[in-house]
Amino acid sequence: MRWPKNEHLYLESLEMSPGGRITMLGLPAHRPLAWIPARSLGGGGSKGAFKKGTVVRFSKLTIDKLPTPWAWVLKVIGAFKASKPSNLPSAKAE
């Protein structure tokens, strides 16, 4: 995944609980990244409107301030349990 060019990272499969926190490993844990539910961005039914997921904001974090230039990892606390996509077959215990 590349560093977001517009300071926002859209994660379609991540749904957060209201008290959830997102931090970046290697950076101070007491400074969580800002996030908002993607649906709050609206779009009024436009073609590119976000319907689900989470948008993480990197407004004061630039790539030169990362702990390493090769990788970055987000730590997520307070995510909802993901629902199974309807196009996957049901798992059966045997």
C-alpha atoms as a PDB file:
ATOM      1  CA  MET A   1       0.000   0.000   0.000  1.00  0.00           C
ATOM      2  CA  ARG A   2       1.353   3.421  -0.885  1.00  0.00           C
ATOM      3  CA  TRP A   3       1.423   6.437   1.377  1.00  0.00           C
ATOM      4  CA  PRO A   4      -1.808   8.450   0.921  1.00  0.00           C
ATOM      5  CA  LYS A   5      -1.294  11.481  -1.307  1.00  0.00           C
ATOM      6  CA  ASN A   6      -4.278  13.450   0.015  1.00  0.00           C
ATOM      7  CA  GLU A   7      -3.679  12.792   3.759  1.00  0.00           C
ATOM      8  CA  HIS A   8      -6.630  10.356   3.890  1.00  0.00           C
ATOM      9  CA  LEU A   9      -6.562   6.561   3.802  1.00  0.00           C
ATOM     10  CA  TYR A  10      -9.884   4.890   2.943  1.00  0.00           C
ATOM     11  CA  LEU A  11     -10.219   1.400   4.444  1.00  0.00           C
ATOM     12  CA  GLU A  12     -13.442  -0.062   3.096  1.00  0.00           C
ATOM     13  CA  SER A  13     -13.427  -3.226   5.210  1.00  0.00           C
ATOM     14  CA  LEU A  14     -12.718  -1.511   8.554  1.00  0.00           C
ATOM     15  CA  GLU A  15     -15.723  -0.517  10.675  1.00  0.00           C
ATOM     16  CA  MET A  16     -14.841   1.191  13.966  1.00  0.00           C
ATOM     17  CA  SER A  17     -16.743   1.409  17.242  1.00  0.00           C
ATOM     18  CA  PRO A  18     -17.297   4.955  18.591  1.00  0.00           C
ATOM     19  CA  GLY A  19     -14.463   4.693  21.150  1.00  0.00           C
ATOM     20  CA  GLY A  20     -12.000   3.008  18.790  1.00  0.00           C
ATOM     21  CA  ARG A  21      -8.387   4.107  18.367  1.00  0.00           C
ATOM     22  CA  ILE A  22      -5.943   3.869  15.501  1.00  0.00           C
ATOM     23  CA  THR A  23      -2.236   4.357  16.114  1.00  0.00           C
ATOM     24  CA  MET A  24       0.862   3.732  14.024  1.00  0.00           C
ATOM     25  CA  LEU A  25       3.476   1.329  15.307  1.00  0.00           C
ATOM     26  CA  GLY A  26       6.746   3.099  16.037  1.00  0.00           C
ATOM     27  CA  LEU A  27       5.032   6.390  16.876  1.00  0.00           C
ATOM     28  CA  PRO A  28       3.819   7.478  20.337  1.00  0.00           C
ATOM     29  CA  ALA A  29       0.685   5.496  21.259  1.00  0.00           C
ATOM     30  CA  HIS A  30      -0.697   8.483  23.189  1.00  0.00           C
ATOM     31  CA  ARG A  31      -1.153  10.324  19.866  1.00  0.00           C
ATOM     32  CA  PRO A  32      -3.781   8.318  17.960  1.00  0.00           C
ATOM     33  CA  LEU A  33      -4.565   9.105  14.339  1.00  0.00           C
ATOM     34  CA  ALA A  34      -7.856  10.817  13.621  1.00  0.00           C
ATOM     35  CA  TRP A  35     -10.506   8.730  11.863  1.00  0.00           C
ATOM     36  CA  ILE A  36     -14.100   9.124  10.751  1.00  0.00           C
ATOM     37  CA  PRO A  37     -16.716   6.692   9.461  1.00  0.00           C
ATOM     38  CA  ALA A  38     -16.604   6.846   5.664  1.00  0.00           C
ATOM     39  CA  ARG A  39     -20.390   7.284   5.469  1.00  0.00           C
ATOM     40  CA  SER A  40     -20.039  10.632   7.282  1.00  0.00           C
ATOM     41  CA  LEU A  41     -18.227  12.018   4.239  1.00  0.00           C
ATOM     42  CA  GLY A  42     -21.565  11.917   2.472  1.00  0.00           C
ATOM     43  CA  GLY A  43     -21.621  12.196  -1.250  1.00  0.00           C
ATOM     44  CA  GLY A  44     -25.399  12.262  -1.583  1.00  0.00           C
ATOM     45  CA  GLY A  45     -25.557   9.126  -3.664  1.00  0.00           C
ATOM     46  CA  SER A  46     -22.889  10.264  -6.099  1.00  0.00           C
ATOM     47  CA  LYS A  47     -20.969   7.609  -7.988  1.00  0.00           C
ATOM     48  CA  GLY A  48     -17.819   7.967  -5.875  1.00  0.00           C
ATOM     49  CA  ALA A  49     -19.558   8.235  -2.491  1.00  0.00           C
ATOM     50  CA  PHE A  50     -18.255   6.077   0.356  1.00  0.00           C
ATOM     51  CA  LYS A  51     -20.878   3.765   1.802  1.00  0.00           C
ATOM     52  CA  LYS A  52     -18.941   1.816   4.415  1.00  0.00           C
ATOM     53  CA  GLY A  53     -15.559   1.648   6.054  1.00  0.00           C
ATOM     54  CA  THR A  54     -13.288   4.104   7.800  1.00  0.00           C
ATOM     55  CA  VAL A  55     -11.194   7.045   6.658  1.00  0.00           C
ATOM     56  CA  VAL A  56      -7.925   7.533   8.573  1.00  0.00           C
ATOM     57  CA  ARG A  57      -6.492  11.049   8.526  1.00  0.00           C
ATOM     58  CA  PHE A  58      -2.742  11.609   8.317  1.00  0.00           C
ATOM     59  CA  SER A  59      -2.992  15.403   8.378  1.00  0.00           C
ATOM     60  CA  LYS A  60       0.149  16.100  10.438  1.00  0.00           C
ATOM     61  CA  LEU A  61       2.067  12.974   9.550  1.00  0.00           C
ATOM     62  CA  THR A  62       4.269  12.991   6.480  1.00  0.00           C
ATOM     63  CA  ILE A  63       6.270  10.145   5.016  1.00  0.00           C
ATOM     64  CA  ASP A  64       9.568  11.696   6.149  1.00  0.00           C
ATOM     65  CA  LYS A  65       8.388  11.471   9.796  1.00  0.00           C
ATOM     66  CA  LEU A  66       7.763   7.719   9.682  1.00  0.00           C
ATOM     67  CA  PRO A  67       9.864   5.389  11.850  1.00  0.00           C
ATOM     68  CA  THR A  68      11.088   3.591   8.700  1.00  0.00           C
ATOM     69  CA  PRO A  69      10.836   4.390   4.988  1.00  0.00           C
ATOM     70  CA  TRP A  70      10.111   0.755   4.043  1.00  0.00           C
ATOM     71  CA  ALA A  71       6.883  -0.092   5.863  1.00  0.00           C
ATOM     72  CA  TRP A  72       4.170   1.279   8.110  1.00  0.00           C
ATOM     73  CA  VAL A  73       1.625  -0.545  10.262  1.00  0.00           C
ATOM     74  CA  LEU A  74      -1.604   0.712  11.789  1.00  0.00           C
ATOM     75  CA  LYS A  75      -2.734  -0.687  15.126  1.00  0.00           C
ATOM     76  CA  VAL A  76      -6.523  -0.745  15.364  1.00  0.00           C
ATOM     77  CA  ILE A  77      -8.368  -1.027  18.685  1.00  0.00           C
ATOM     78  CA  GLY A  78     -12.148  -1.064  18.719  1.00  0.00           C
ATOM     79  CA  ALA A  79     -13.062  -2.418  15.308  1.00  0.00           C
ATOM     80  CA  PHE A  80     -16.388  -4.142  14.796  1.00  0.00           C
ATOM     81  CA  LYS A  81     -16.276  -7.799  13.917  1.00  0.00           C
ATOM     82  CA  ALA A  82     -16.323  -8.028  10.131  1.00  0.00           C
ATOM     83  CA  SER A  83     -19.328  -9.686   8.575  1.00  0.00           C
ATOM     84  CA  LYS A  84     -18.742 -12.442   6.055  1.00  0.00           C
ATOM     85  CA  PRO A  85     -19.124 -11.276   2.454  1.00  0.00           C
ATOM     86  CA  SER A  86     -22.187 -12.833   0.852  1.00  0.00           C
ATOM     87  CA  ASN A  87     -20.223 -14.197  -2.108  1.00  0.00           C
ATOM     88  CA  LEU A  88     -18.166 -16.617   0.039  1.00  0.00           C
ATOM     89  CA  PRO A  89     -19.378 -20.169   0.690  1.00  0.00           C
ATOM     90  CA  SER A  90     -20.443 -21.024   4.208  1.00  0.00           C
ATOM     91  CA  ALA A  91     -17.874 -22.784   6.357  1.00  0.00           C
ATOM     92  CA  LYS A  92     -18.946 -26.222   7.542  1.00  0.00           C
ATOM     93  CA  ALA A  93     -17.460 -28.025  10.521  1.00  0.00           C
ATOM     94  CA  GLU A  94     -16.746 -31.666   9.707  1.00  0.00           C
END
